[in-house]
């Protein structure tokens, strides 16, 4: 996937569901529920149970979605993730060697960064976009807005503190998309298997982001 194609997906869908699953089947159901609610970008964290197999299955079962992975920390993990079929890669840190390797494989890579220096370093190293994490620790949407004047040309994806209630404010502040994990997948709903409730939360999120973008 080219960087241009990745940006087009972000601009079209705006939300990434971040799935960290302790059991394979739970992760599968979380992904299906998010997709049922209209989310088309699904990130399976690499520390999920049987992440490679889960990515492979979701690529087959949800062809209308882009399935990627996150929490990639090493070149070995990155290579294994691409081999499993991950269509995009998130890392929690800025590692130029990982960025270079992903570029060579033509897979979008989105490093995690927080400070302006980290964000610019990631972008200059060739990142497809930059995950601003944990965004809430520095003021949430206000922080994203403050970055726009000096760094407005860099596509930012805030995560870590994004909720259904504040997601639209991040887009209004200039973010290209947002990533949600815990707020999209409430622990009680996951434990009880209330996938309909999660699908409804996903649908609410999509509706709010679509309205904000329009």
C-alpha atoms as a PDB file:
ATOM      1  CA  UNK A   1       0.000   0.000   0.000  1.00  0.00           C
ATOM      2  CA  UNK A   2       1.450   3.359  -1.002  1.00  0.00           C
ATOM      3  CA  UNK A   3       1.553   6.285   1.446  1.00  0.00           C
ATOM      4  CA  UNK A   4      -1.002   7.995  -0.790  1.00  0.00           C
ATOM      5  CA  UNK A   5      -3.370   5.029  -0.539  1.00  0.00           C
ATOM      6  CA  UNK A   6      -2.916   4.966   3.243  1.00  0.00           C
ATOM      7  CA  UNK A   7      -3.722   8.671   3.530  1.00  0.00           C
ATOM      8  CA  UNK A   8      -6.797   8.165   1.365  1.00  0.00           C
ATOM      9  CA  UNK A   9      -8.027   5.439   3.744  1.00  0.00           C
ATOM     10  CA  UNK A  10      -7.452   7.680   6.758  1.00  0.00           C
ATOM     11  CA  UNK A  11      -9.284  10.588   5.149  1.00  0.00           C
ATOM     12  CA  UNK A  12     -12.182   8.369   4.185  1.00  0.00           C
ATOM     13  CA  UNK A  13     -12.659   6.391   7.402  1.00  0.00           C
ATOM     14  CA  UNK A  14     -11.032   8.528  10.130  1.00  0.00           C
ATOM     15  CA  UNK A  15     -11.129   5.920  12.919  1.00  0.00           C
ATOM     16  CA  UNK A  16      -8.823   3.024  13.777  1.00  0.00           C
ATOM     17  CA  UNK A  17     -10.032   0.351  16.182  1.00  0.00           C
ATOM     18  CA  UNK A  18      -7.115  -0.817  18.331  1.00  0.00           C
ATOM     19  CA  UNK A  19      -7.699  -4.407  19.435  1.00  0.00           C
ATOM     20  CA  UNK A  20      -5.601  -5.891  22.218  1.00  0.00           C
ATOM     21  CA  UNK A  21      -6.992  -9.372  22.775  1.00  0.00           C
ATOM     22  CA  UNK A  22      -6.054 -11.848  25.516  1.00  0.00           C
ATOM     23  CA  UNK A  23      -7.752 -14.683  23.616  1.00  0.00           C
ATOM     24  CA  UNK A  24      -7.886 -15.344  19.880  1.00  0.00           C
ATOM     25  CA  UNK A  25     -11.654 -15.743  19.688  1.00  0.00           C
ATOM     26  CA  UNK A  26     -12.233 -12.598  21.740  1.00  0.00           C
ATOM     27  CA  UNK A  27     -10.040 -10.629  19.360  1.00  0.00           C
ATOM     28  CA  UNK A  28     -11.925 -12.025  16.394  1.00  0.00           C
ATOM     29  CA  UNK A  29     -15.285 -11.022  17.872  1.00  0.00           C
ATOM     30  CA  UNK A  30     -13.991  -7.549  18.813  1.00  0.00           C
ATOM     31  CA  UNK A  31     -12.863  -6.994  15.228  1.00  0.00           C
ATOM     32  CA  UNK A  32     -16.133  -8.254  13.782  1.00  0.00           C
ATOM     33  CA  UNK A  33     -18.136  -6.002  16.101  1.00  0.00           C
ATOM     34  CA  UNK A  34     -16.086  -2.935  15.163  1.00  0.00           C
ATOM     35  CA  UNK A  35     -16.501  -3.747  11.470  1.00  0.00           C
ATOM     36  CA  UNK A  36     -20.241  -4.299  11.930  1.00  0.00           C
ATOM     37  CA  UNK A  37     -20.438  -0.763  13.290  1.00  0.00           C
ATOM     38  CA  UNK A  38     -18.731   0.637  10.203  1.00  0.00           C
ATOM     39  CA  UNK A  39     -15.073   0.883  11.244  1.00  0.00           C
ATOM     40  CA  UNK A  40     -12.859  -0.168   8.356  1.00  0.00           C
ATOM     41  CA  UNK A  41      -9.365   0.193   9.845  1.00  0.00           C
ATOM     42  CA  UNK A  42      -8.545  -2.495  12.402  1.00  0.00           C
ATOM     43  CA  UNK A  43      -5.261  -2.695  14.311  1.00  0.00           C
ATOM     44  CA  UNK A  44      -4.471  -5.982  16.042  1.00  0.00           C
ATOM     45  CA  UNK A  45      -1.724  -5.360  18.575  1.00  0.00           C
ATOM     46  CA  UNK A  46       1.177  -7.764  18.170  1.00  0.00           C
ATOM     47  CA  UNK A  47       0.925  -8.754  21.851  1.00  0.00           C
ATOM     48  CA  UNK A  48      -2.582 -10.097  21.280  1.00  0.00           C
ATOM     49  CA  UNK A  49      -3.130 -13.837  21.527  1.00  0.00           C
ATOM     50  CA  UNK A  50      -1.935 -15.497  18.290  1.00  0.00           C
ATOM     51  CA  UNK A  51      -1.754 -12.157  16.518  1.00  0.00           C
ATOM     52  CA  UNK A  52      -0.384 -13.528  13.210  1.00  0.00           C
ATOM     53  CA  UNK A  53      -3.197 -16.078  12.911  1.00  0.00           C
ATOM     54  CA  UNK A  54      -5.782 -13.471  13.881  1.00  0.00           C
ATOM     55  CA  UNK A  55      -4.556 -11.035  11.249  1.00  0.00           C
ATOM     56  CA  UNK A  56      -4.612 -13.773   8.631  1.00  0.00           C
ATOM     57  CA  UNK A  57      -8.169 -14.808   9.540  1.00  0.00           C
ATOM     58  CA  UNK A  58      -9.474 -11.240   9.558  1.00  0.00           C
ATOM     59  CA  UNK A  59      -7.935 -10.565   6.149  1.00  0.00           C
ATOM     60  CA  UNK A  60     -10.036 -13.482   4.870  1.00  0.00           C
ATOM     61  CA  UNK A  61     -13.220 -12.792   6.829  1.00  0.00           C
ATOM     62  CA  UNK A  62     -13.326  -8.985   6.519  1.00  0.00           C
ATOM     63  CA  UNK A  63     -12.108  -8.200   2.995  1.00  0.00           C
ATOM     64  CA  UNK A  64     -13.770  -4.777   3.125  1.00  0.00           C
ATOM     65  CA  UNK A  65     -11.493  -3.754   6.019  1.00  0.00           C
ATOM     66  CA  UNK A  66      -7.790  -2.923   6.178  1.00  0.00           C
ATOM     67  CA  UNK A  67      -6.144  -5.100   8.833  1.00  0.00           C
ATOM     68  CA  UNK A  68      -2.919  -3.905  10.422  1.00  0.00           C
ATOM     69  CA  UNK A  69      -0.955  -4.434  13.575  1.00  0.00           C
ATOM     70  CA  UNK A  70       0.593  -2.395  16.363  1.00  0.00           C
ATOM     71  CA  UNK A  71       3.000  -2.528  19.292  1.00  0.00           C
ATOM     72  CA  UNK A  72       5.772  -3.585  16.899  1.00  0.00           C
ATOM     73  CA  UNK A  73       9.084  -3.288  18.731  1.00  0.00           C
ATOM     74  CA  UNK A  74      11.655  -5.102  16.615  1.00  0.00           C
ATOM     75  CA  UNK A  75      12.603  -5.918  13.043  1.00  0.00           C
ATOM     76  CA  UNK A  76      11.743  -9.575  13.617  1.00  0.00           C
ATOM     77  CA  UNK A  77       8.234  -8.668  14.750  1.00  0.00           C
ATOM     78  CA  UNK A  78       7.860  -6.318  11.794  1.00  0.00           C
ATOM     79  CA  UNK A  79       8.895  -9.016   9.323  1.00  0.00           C
ATOM     80  CA  UNK A  80       6.572 -11.561  10.940  1.00  0.00           C
ATOM     81  CA  UNK A  81       3.685  -9.082  10.884  1.00  0.00           C
ATOM     82  CA  UNK A  82       4.119  -8.395   7.175  1.00  0.00           C
ATOM     83  CA  UNK A  83       4.368 -12.121   6.510  1.00  0.00           C
ATOM     84  CA  UNK A  84       1.079 -12.587   8.394  1.00  0.00           C
ATOM     85  CA  UNK A  85      -0.598 -10.096   6.073  1.00  0.00           C
ATOM     86  CA  UNK A  86      -0.596  -6.873   8.106  1.00  0.00           C
ATOM     87  CA  UNK A  87      -1.489  -4.012   5.782  1.00  0.00           C
ATOM     88  CA  UNK A  88      -0.158  -1.257   8.059  1.00  0.00           C
ATOM     89  CA  UNK A  89       2.166  -1.143  11.068  1.00  0.00           C
ATOM     90  CA  UNK A  90       2.069   0.931  14.254  1.00  0.00           C
ATOM     91  CA  UNK A  91       5.055   1.181  16.600  1.00  0.00           C
ATOM     92  CA  UNK A  92       5.004   2.798  20.061  1.00  0.00           C
ATOM     93  CA  UNK A  93       8.310   4.558  19.371  1.00  0.00           C
ATOM     94  CA  UNK A  94      10.403   6.175  16.636  1.00  0.00           C
ATOM     95  CA  UNK A  95      12.882   3.636  15.233  1.00  0.00           C
ATOM     96  CA  UNK A  96      14.424   4.752  11.917  1.00  0.00           C
ATOM     97  CA  UNK A  97      15.569   1.205  11.126  1.00  0.00           C
ATOM     98  CA  UNK A  98      11.985  -0.113  11.358  1.00  0.00           C
ATOM     99  CA  UNK A  99      10.677   2.769   9.264  1.00  0.00           C
ATOM    100  CA  UNK A 100      13.294   2.080   6.604  1.00  0.00           C
ATOM    101  CA  UNK A 101      12.480  -1.626   6.536  1.00  0.00           C
ATOM    102  CA  UNK A 102       8.723  -1.014   6.208  1.00  0.00           C
ATOM    103  CA  UNK A 103       9.277   1.480   3.387  1.00  0.00           C
ATOM    104  CA  UNK A 104      11.320  -1.124   1.537  1.00  0.00           C
ATOM    105  CA  UNK A 105       8.393  -3.546   1.858  1.00  0.00           C
ATOM    106  CA  UNK A 106       5.900  -0.844   0.780  1.00  0.00           C
ATOM    107  CA  UNK A 107       3.878  -1.213   3.979  1.00  0.00           C
ATOM    108  CA  UNK A 108       2.696   1.987   5.726  1.00  0.00           C
ATOM    109  CA  UNK A 109       4.381   2.476   9.101  1.00  0.00           C
ATOM    110  CA  UNK A 110       3.094   4.825  11.781  1.00  0.00           C
ATOM    111  CA  UNK A 111       5.524   5.400  14.665  1.00  0.00           C
ATOM    112  CA  UNK A 112       4.403   6.644  18.046  1.00  0.00           C
ATOM    113  CA  UNK A 113       5.715  10.051  19.100  1.00  0.00           C
ATOM    114  CA  UNK A 114       4.748  12.734  21.590  1.00  0.00           C
ATOM    115  CA  UNK A 115       7.045  15.757  21.449  1.00  0.00           C
ATOM    116  CA  UNK A 116       7.462  17.977  18.364  1.00  0.00           C
ATOM    117  CA  UNK A 117      11.043  16.713  18.057  1.00  0.00           C
ATOM    118  CA  UNK A 118       9.899  13.074  18.002  1.00  0.00           C
ATOM    119  CA  UNK A 119       7.092  13.816  15.553  1.00  0.00           C
ATOM    120  CA  UNK A 120       9.409  15.610  13.109  1.00  0.00           C
ATOM    121  CA  UNK A 121      12.082  12.913  13.486  1.00  0.00           C
ATOM    122  CA  UNK A 122       9.559  10.216  12.603  1.00  0.00           C
ATOM    123  CA  UNK A 123       8.281  12.140   9.599  1.00  0.00           C
ATOM    124  CA  UNK A 124      11.758  12.942   8.295  1.00  0.00           C
ATOM    125  CA  UNK A 125      12.701   9.268   8.629  1.00  0.00           C
ATOM    126  CA  UNK A 126       9.895   8.426   6.201  1.00  0.00           C
ATOM    127  CA  UNK A 127       6.902   7.588   8.391  1.00  0.00           C
ATOM    128  CA  UNK A 128       3.601   7.295   6.518  1.00  0.00           C
ATOM    129  CA  UNK A 129       1.916   9.279   9.305  1.00  0.00           C
ATOM    130  CA  UNK A 130       2.641   9.733  13.010  1.00  0.00           C
ATOM    131  CA  UNK A 131       0.766   8.396  16.031  1.00  0.00           C
ATOM    132  CA  UNK A 132       0.652  11.004  18.794  1.00  0.00           C
ATOM    133  CA  UNK A 133       0.588   8.923  21.963  1.00  0.00           C
ATOM    134  CA  UNK A 134      -0.473   9.244  24.716  1.00  0.00           C
ATOM    135  CA  UNK A 135      -2.140  12.433  23.519  1.00  0.00           C
ATOM    136  CA  UNK A 136      -4.302  13.047  26.578  1.00  0.00           C
ATOM    137  CA  UNK A 137      -1.243  13.485  28.787  1.00  0.00           C
ATOM    138  CA  UNK A 138      -0.379  16.725  26.981  1.00  0.00           C
ATOM    139  CA  UNK A 139      -3.820  18.246  26.707  1.00  0.00           C
ATOM    140  CA  UNK A 140      -5.692  16.171  24.138  1.00  0.00           C
ATOM    141  CA  UNK A 141      -7.190  18.020  21.184  1.00  0.00           C
ATOM    142  CA  UNK A 142      -5.683  21.302  22.406  1.00  0.00           C
ATOM    143  CA  UNK A 143      -2.210  19.799  21.989  1.00  0.00           C
ATOM    144  CA  UNK A 144      -3.002  18.621  18.438  1.00  0.00           C
ATOM    145  CA  UNK A 145      -4.281  22.094  17.603  1.00  0.00           C
ATOM    146  CA  UNK A 146      -1.121  23.710  18.972  1.00  0.00           C
ATOM    147  CA  UNK A 147       0.989  21.528  16.663  1.00  0.00           C
ATOM    148  CA  UNK A 148      -0.801  22.645  13.511  1.00  0.00           C
ATOM    149  CA  UNK A 149       1.046  25.918  12.914  1.00  0.00           C
ATOM    150  CA  UNK A 150       4.574  24.458  12.987  1.00  0.00           C
ATOM    151  CA  UNK A 151       3.773  20.874  11.949  1.00  0.00           C
ATOM    152  CA  UNK A 152       0.538  21.118   9.986  1.00  0.00           C
ATOM    153  CA  UNK A 153       1.941  19.242   7.027  1.00  0.00           C
ATOM    154  CA  UNK A 154       2.436  16.057   9.042  1.00  0.00           C
ATOM    155  CA  UNK A 155      -0.602  13.721   9.224  1.00  0.00           C
ATOM    156  CA  UNK A 156      -1.193  13.012  12.915  1.00  0.00           C
ATOM    157  CA  UNK A 157      -3.201  10.168  14.474  1.00  0.00           C
ATOM    158  CA  UNK A 158      -3.818  10.831  18.175  1.00  0.00           C
ATOM    159  CA  UNK A 159      -4.375   7.838  20.452  1.00  0.00           C
ATOM    160  CA  UNK A 160      -4.331   7.289  24.189  1.00  0.00           C
ATOM    161  CA  UNK A 161      -7.295   9.075  25.715  1.00  0.00           C
ATOM    162  CA  UNK A 162      -9.480   9.362  22.618  1.00  0.00           C
ATOM    163  CA  UNK A 163     -13.146   8.618  23.376  1.00  0.00           C
ATOM    164  CA  UNK A 164     -16.469   8.584  21.558  1.00  0.00           C
ATOM    165  CA  UNK A 165     -17.172  11.936  23.192  1.00  0.00           C
ATOM    166  CA  UNK A 166     -13.969  13.758  22.224  1.00  0.00           C
ATOM    167  CA  UNK A 167     -12.967  12.008  18.974  1.00  0.00           C
ATOM    168  CA  UNK A 168     -14.523  14.630  16.710  1.00  0.00           C
ATOM    169  CA  UNK A 169     -12.644  17.397  18.512  1.00  0.00           C
ATOM    170  CA  UNK A 170      -9.334  15.838  17.421  1.00  0.00           C
ATOM    171  CA  UNK A 171     -10.379  16.018  13.777  1.00  0.00           C
ATOM    172  CA  UNK A 172     -11.489  19.602  14.286  1.00  0.00           C
ATOM    173  CA  UNK A 173      -8.048  20.317  15.776  1.00  0.00           C
ATOM    174  CA  UNK A 174      -6.343  19.038  12.623  1.00  0.00           C
ATOM    175  CA  UNK A 175      -5.774  15.298  13.133  1.00  0.00           C
ATOM    176  CA  UNK A 176      -6.167  13.129  10.036  1.00  0.00           C
ATOM    177  CA  UNK A 177      -7.682  10.258  12.050  1.00  0.00           C
ATOM    178  CA  UNK A 178      -7.959   8.885  15.589  1.00  0.00           C
ATOM    179  CA  UNK A 179      -7.234   5.570  17.272  1.00  0.00           C
ATOM    180  CA  UNK A 180      -9.457   4.122  20.003  1.00  0.00           C
ATOM    181  CA  UNK A 181      -9.003   1.103  22.198  1.00  0.00           C
ATOM    182  CA  UNK A 182     -10.452   0.923  25.712  1.00  0.00           C
ATOM    183  CA  UNK A 183     -13.245   3.422  25.164  1.00  0.00           C
ATOM    184  CA  UNK A 184     -14.454   1.626  22.051  1.00  0.00           C
ATOM    185  CA  UNK A 185     -14.235  -1.766  23.736  1.00  0.00           C
ATOM    186  CA  UNK A 186     -15.487  -1.360  27.325  1.00  0.00           C
ATOM    187  CA  UNK A 187     -14.060  -4.096  29.516  1.00  0.00           C
ATOM    188  CA  UNK A 188     -17.462  -5.257  30.765  1.00  0.00           C
ATOM    189  CA  UNK A 189     -18.835  -5.596  27.223  1.00  0.00           C
ATOM    190  CA  UNK A 190     -15.806  -7.634  26.174  1.00  0.00           C
ATOM    191  CA  UNK A 191     -15.962  -9.889  29.241  1.00  0.00           C
ATOM    192  CA  UNK A 192     -19.673 -10.592  28.775  1.00  0.00           C
ATOM    193  CA  UNK A 193     -19.428 -10.889  24.991  1.00  0.00           C
ATOM    194  CA  UNK A 194     -21.869  -8.058  24.348  1.00  0.00           C
ATOM    195  CA  UNK A 195     -20.704  -7.590  20.767  1.00  0.00           C
ATOM    196  CA  UNK A 196     -23.892  -5.776  19.769  1.00  0.00           C
ATOM    197  CA  UNK A 197     -23.103  -3.051  22.293  1.00  0.00           C
ATOM    198  CA  UNK A 198     -19.608  -2.669  20.853  1.00  0.00           C
ATOM    199  CA  UNK A 199     -20.969  -2.576  17.300  1.00  0.00           C
ATOM    200  CA  UNK A 200     -23.336   0.180  18.410  1.00  0.00           C
ATOM    201  CA  UNK A 201     -20.463   2.154  19.942  1.00  0.00           C
ATOM    202  CA  UNK A 202     -18.538   1.783  16.694  1.00  0.00           C
ATOM    203  CA  UNK A 203     -21.532   3.007  14.716  1.00  0.00           C
ATOM    204  CA  UNK A 204     -21.903   5.997  17.029  1.00  0.00           C
ATOM    205  CA  UNK A 205     -18.234   6.851  16.580  1.00  0.00           C
ATOM    206  CA  UNK A 206     -18.406   6.593  12.796  1.00  0.00           C
ATOM    207  CA  UNK A 207     -21.520   8.761  12.741  1.00  0.00           C
ATOM    208  CA  UNK A 208     -19.934  11.451  14.907  1.00  0.00           C
ATOM    209  CA  UNK A 209     -16.728  11.535  12.876  1.00  0.00           C
ATOM    210  CA  UNK A 210     -18.633  11.620   9.598  1.00  0.00           C
ATOM    211  CA  UNK A 211     -20.747  14.517  10.850  1.00  0.00           C
ATOM    212  CA  UNK A 212     -17.643  16.365  12.039  1.00  0.00           C
ATOM    213  CA  UNK A 213     -15.867  15.830   8.753  1.00  0.00           C
ATOM    214  CA  UNK A 214     -18.889  16.914   6.707  1.00  0.00           C
END
